[in-house]
C-alpha atoms as a PDB file:
ATOM      1  CA  MET A   1     -77.360  40.169  72.784  1.00  0.00           C
ATOM      2  CA  LYS A   2     -73.867  40.210  74.289  1.00  0.00           C
ATOM      3  CA  LEU A   3     -74.270  36.574  75.330  1.00  0.00           C
ATOM      4  CA  GLN A   4     -75.116  35.452  71.780  1.00  0.00           C
ATOM      5  CA  SER A   5     -72.343  34.206  69.520  1.00  0.00           C
ATOM      6  CA  GLN A   6     -74.367  33.044  66.501  1.00  0.00           C
ATOM      7  CA  ILE A   7     -76.978  35.776  66.243  1.00  0.00           C
ATOM      8  CA  ASN A   8     -76.837  39.545  66.038  1.00  0.00           C
ATOM      9  CA  GLU A   9     -79.196  42.506  66.052  1.00  0.00           C
ATOM     10  CA  ASN A  10     -80.093  42.001  62.370  1.00  0.00           C
ATOM     11  CA  ILE A  11     -81.251  38.416  62.972  1.00  0.00           C
ATOM     12  CA  ARG A  12     -83.297  39.615  65.941  1.00  0.00           C
ATOM     13  CA  ALA A  13     -84.824  42.364  63.776  1.00  0.00           C
ATOM     14  CA  GLN A  14     -85.796  39.788  61.142  1.00  0.00           C
ATOM     15  CA  LEU A  15     -87.433  37.693  63.856  1.00  0.00           C
ATOM     16  CA  VAL A  16     -89.376  40.711  65.140  1.00  0.00           C
ATOM     17  CA  ASP A  17     -90.570  41.438  61.575  1.00  0.00           C
ATOM     18  CA  HIS A  18     -91.753  37.827  61.274  1.00  0.00           C
ATOM     19  CA  ILE A  19     -93.485  38.026  64.668  1.00  0.00           C
ATOM     20  CA  VAL A  20     -95.293  41.215  63.601  1.00  0.00           C
ATOM     21  CA  GLN A  21     -96.559  39.437  60.463  1.00  0.00           C
ATOM     22  CA  VAL A  22     -97.790  36.431  62.448  1.00  0.00           C
ATOM     23  CA  HIS A  23     -99.380  38.773  64.991  1.00  0.00           C
ATOM     24  CA  ALA A  24    -101.280  40.563  62.220  1.00  0.00           C
ATOM     25  CA  LYS A  25    -102.337  37.307  60.573  1.00  0.00           C
ATOM     26  CA  PHE A  26    -103.886  36.032  63.821  1.00  0.00           C
ATOM     27  CA  LYS A  27    -105.348  39.503  64.632  1.00  0.00           C
ATOM     28  CA  LEU A  28    -103.989  39.416  68.179  1.00  0.00           C
ATOM     29  CA  LEU A  29    -104.007  42.101  70.844  1.00  0.00           C
ATOM     30  CA  PRO A  30    -101.153  44.651  70.889  1.00  0.00           C
ATOM     31  CA  GLU A  31    -100.237  43.450  74.398  1.00  0.00           C
ATOM     32  CA  THR A  32     -99.565  39.997  72.949  1.00  0.00           C
ATOM     33  CA  LEU A  33     -96.999  41.432  70.535  1.00  0.00           C
ATOM     34  CA  PHE A  34     -95.269  43.422  73.280  1.00  0.00           C
ATOM     35  CA  LEU A  35     -95.165  40.439  75.619  1.00  0.00           C
ATOM     36  CA  THR A  36     -93.839  38.167  72.852  1.00  0.00           C
ATOM     37  CA  ILE A  37     -90.913  40.479  72.133  1.00  0.00           C
ATOM     38  CA  ASN A  38     -90.291  40.957  75.850  1.00  0.00           C
ATOM     39  CA  LEU A  39     -90.110  37.175  76.343  1.00  0.00           C
ATOM     40  CA  ILE A  40     -87.722  36.812  73.390  1.00  0.00           C
ATOM     41  CA  ASP A  41     -85.395  39.526  74.684  1.00  0.00           C
ATOM     42  CA  ARG A  42     -85.384  38.205  78.252  1.00  0.00           C
ATOM     43  CA  PHE A  43     -84.655  34.702  76.993  1.00  0.00           C
ATOM     44  CA  LEU A  44     -81.821  35.886  74.726  1.00  0.00           C
ATOM     45  CA  ALA A  45     -80.278  37.784  77.642  1.00  0.00           C
ATOM     46  CA  LYS A  46     -79.942  34.559  79.628  1.00  0.00           C
ATOM     47  CA  HIS A  47     -79.627  31.689  77.162  1.00  0.00           C
ATOM     48  CA  GLN A  48     -77.437  31.204  74.099  1.00  0.00           C
ATOM     49  CA  ILE A  49     -79.295  30.045  70.977  1.00  0.00           C
ATOM     50  CA  GLN A  50     -78.453  28.858  67.468  1.00  0.00           C
ATOM     51  CA  ALA A  51     -79.433  31.129  64.569  1.00  0.00           C
ATOM     52  CA  GLY A  52     -81.565  28.333  63.097  1.00  0.00           C
ATOM     53  CA  ASP A  53     -83.699  28.191  66.249  1.00  0.00           C
ATOM     54  CA  MET A  54     -84.785  31.828  66.164  1.00  0.00           C
ATOM     55  CA  ARG A  55     -88.093  31.114  64.407  1.00  0.00           C
ATOM     56  CA  LEU A  56     -88.815  28.377  66.936  1.00  0.00           C
ATOM     57  CA  LEU A  57     -88.044  30.840  69.742  1.00  0.00           C
ATOM     58  CA  GLY A  58     -90.399  33.437  68.262  1.00  0.00           C
ATOM     59  CA  ILE A  59     -93.287  31.035  67.735  1.00  0.00           C
ATOM     60  CA  SER A  60     -92.895  29.542  71.210  1.00  0.00           C
ATOM     61  CA  ALA A  61     -92.703  32.980  72.842  1.00  0.00           C
ATOM     62  CA  MET A  62     -95.848  34.009  70.987  1.00  0.00           C
ATOM     63  CA  LEU A  63     -97.578  30.822  72.152  1.00  0.00           C
ATOM     64  CA  ILE A  64     -96.798  31.770  75.761  1.00  0.00           C
ATOM     65  CA  ALA A  65     -97.920  35.366  75.214  1.00  0.00           C
ATOM     66  CA  THR A  66    -101.208  34.335  73.606  1.00  0.00           C
ATOM     67  CA  LYS A  67    -101.988  32.008  76.488  1.00  0.00           C
ATOM     68  CA  TYR A  68    -101.392  34.906  78.851  1.00  0.00           C
ATOM     69  CA  GLU A  69    -103.130  37.762  76.981  1.00  0.00           C
ATOM     70  CA  GLU A  70    -105.745  36.344  74.597  1.00  0.00           C
ATOM     71  CA  ILE A  71    -109.230  35.110  75.441  1.00  0.00           C
ATOM     72  CA  TYR A  72    -109.108  32.603  72.568  1.00  0.00           C
ATOM     73  CA  PRO A  73    -105.426  31.909  71.895  1.00  0.00           C
ATOM     74  CA  PRO A  74    -104.283  30.109  68.741  1.00  0.00           C
ATOM     75  CA  THR A  75    -103.447  26.446  69.253  1.00  0.00           C
ATOM     76  CA  VAL A  76    -100.098  24.756  68.759  1.00  0.00           C
ATOM     77  CA  LYS A  77    -101.543  23.320  65.548  1.00  0.00           C
ATOM     78  CA  ASP A  78    -102.230  26.873  64.308  1.00  0.00           C
ATOM     79  CA  PHE A  79     -98.598  27.796  64.925  1.00  0.00           C
ATOM     80  CA  ILE A  80     -97.419  24.694  63.079  1.00  0.00           C
ATOM     81  CA  ILE A  81     -99.522  25.688  60.082  1.00  0.00           C
ATOM     82  CA  ILE A  82     -98.306  29.300  60.179  1.00  0.00           C
ATOM     83  CA  SER A  83     -94.698  28.019  60.210  1.00  0.00           C
ATOM     84  CA  GLN A  84     -95.455  26.123  56.984  1.00  0.00           C
ATOM     85  CA  ARG A  85     -95.093  22.868  58.916  1.00  0.00           C
ATOM     86  CA  LYS A  86     -91.359  23.451  59.465  1.00  0.00           C
ATOM     87  CA  LEU A  87     -91.821  23.140  63.230  1.00  0.00           C
ATOM     88  CA  SER A  88     -93.262  20.223  65.167  1.00  0.00           C
ATOM     89  CA  ALA A  89     -95.538  20.400  68.194  1.00  0.00           C
ATOM     90  CA  GLU A  90     -92.870  18.637  70.240  1.00  0.00           C
ATOM     91  CA  HIS A  91     -90.203  21.222  69.371  1.00  0.00           C
ATOM     92  CA  ILE A  92     -92.553  24.134  70.056  1.00  0.00           C
ATOM     93  CA  LEU A  93     -93.566  22.769  73.445  1.00  0.00           C
ATOM     94  CA  GLN A  94     -89.968  21.937  74.399  1.00  0.00           C
ATOM     95  CA  MET A  95     -88.913  25.490  73.553  1.00  0.00           C
ATOM     96  CA  GLU A  96     -91.893  26.816  75.511  1.00  0.00           C
ATOM     97  CA  MET A  97     -90.683  24.909  78.585  1.00  0.00           C
ATOM     98  CA  LEU A  98     -87.116  26.147  78.058  1.00  0.00           C
ATOM     99  CA  ILE A  99     -88.270  29.765  77.785  1.00  0.00           C
ATOM    100  CA  LEU A 100     -90.416  29.525  80.903  1.00  0.00           C
ATOM    101  CA  SER A 101     -87.718  27.849  82.958  1.00  0.00           C
ATOM    102  CA  THR A 102     -85.093  30.342  81.749  1.00  0.00           C
ATOM    103  CA  ILE A 103     -87.203  33.321  82.788  1.00  0.00           C
ATOM    104  CA  GLN A 104     -88.201  31.450  85.968  1.00  0.00           C
ATOM    105  CA  PHE A 105     -91.889  31.484  84.999  1.00  0.00           C
ATOM    106  CA  GLU A 106     -92.034  35.291  85.402  1.00  0.00           C
ATOM    107  CA  VAL A 107     -94.146  35.989  82.339  1.00  0.00           C
ATOM    108  CA  GLN A 108     -94.922  39.644  83.112  1.00  0.00           C
END
């Protein structure tokens, strides 16, 4: 969090609360939740982000984690619906690529 200028621990905590709610709504594995938060923290340690992009970061990190951990992961369309259509597929997939390149594709 030392790298971040626009977000703080409280904003991260709000994002984690939101991620927990989404995780429960989709009835995902516990490992998916842990991996999602791990991806978020590793990304935030290396890349500066705007406060308004935190939800996008969380949804994209969960998309990566579900692809890795779940047998039947939710689709991008499911994540768009869960975000109340505030995010587009293009933005989610762009953030997914940014996360993966930032962590050098080391998901675990």
